Amino acid sequence: MLPGAAIPLYARVKALILRNIGDGTWPRDRRLPSEHDLVALTGASRMTVHRALRELTHAGVLHRVQGVGTFVAAPMARSGLIEIEDIAQEIRRRGAVHGSRVLLLDRVEAPGEVMSAFGEPGCRRPFHSVLVHSEDGTPVQHEERYVDPELAPDYGRQDFSARTPFDYLIEAVPLTEFEHVISAVAASPAIAAALDLPQGAPCLRLDRRTWSGARIATVNRLTYAGERCRLATRRVVSTS
């Protein structure tokens, strides 16, 4: 059975697996006990064990072989340049189901920080959207976006539960440039609630601005649950 009743059960299952990996009980390339055996070992439900295994697989700690089992993955450190890509496409490419929940879609007076981010001539009343994206039902990204209404006048009339803001904007606005700033942050109360995390849990924040010609089109803040994301890229290096 698992100690720590104040911690969500799936997190305690994950902690048990990580502890066994860390102390060498389950070394690299070792096949883990089956889900059935983990249910018996932990006292958790099959669904809870499956969630713990899925999240550790997405984090690169485990890897699953269809019809064979789940194995301890080799240690991994992956980082690199970040490209602009639709999160729905990323999730579907992994063979998972993307979902989105719209928390806010309105036109607002821009806060000072957002006004500064838009630069001159600025955008005083942008569209403001807030969504939570999920993978197989688990929330993975909190997306907050401010959009220049002169460049995307129909943004406020879109159904972003059916298509992502990225998918709409890449079609509606010719984007010519982007800027990324990446930070490690602790989950605020609002982010923790949206992503089903403990308050203060580690998160990765991607602040993004996009341009259409000389004008800033969007100011975005994408916050990822730290234990549920990896950032990676691959480039061909030119020697010419």
Foldseek 3Di string as FASTA:
>chain_A
DFDDPVDDLLVRLLVVVVVCDVVVVADFFRFDDALVVSCVVRVDDSVSPVVSLVLCVLLQQWPADPPPGIHGHDDDDAADDFDDDDVQVVLVVVVWHKFKDWPDWDWAQDPPVQQVVQPPPGAGTWIWTWMFMDTNPATWKIKIKTFRCVQVVCLRVDDCRVPNPVVVCVVRAPWDDKDKDKDWFFADPVRCVRRVHPGGQIKIKIWMWIDRPPGIGMTMIMIGRPSRHDHHDDDDDDPD
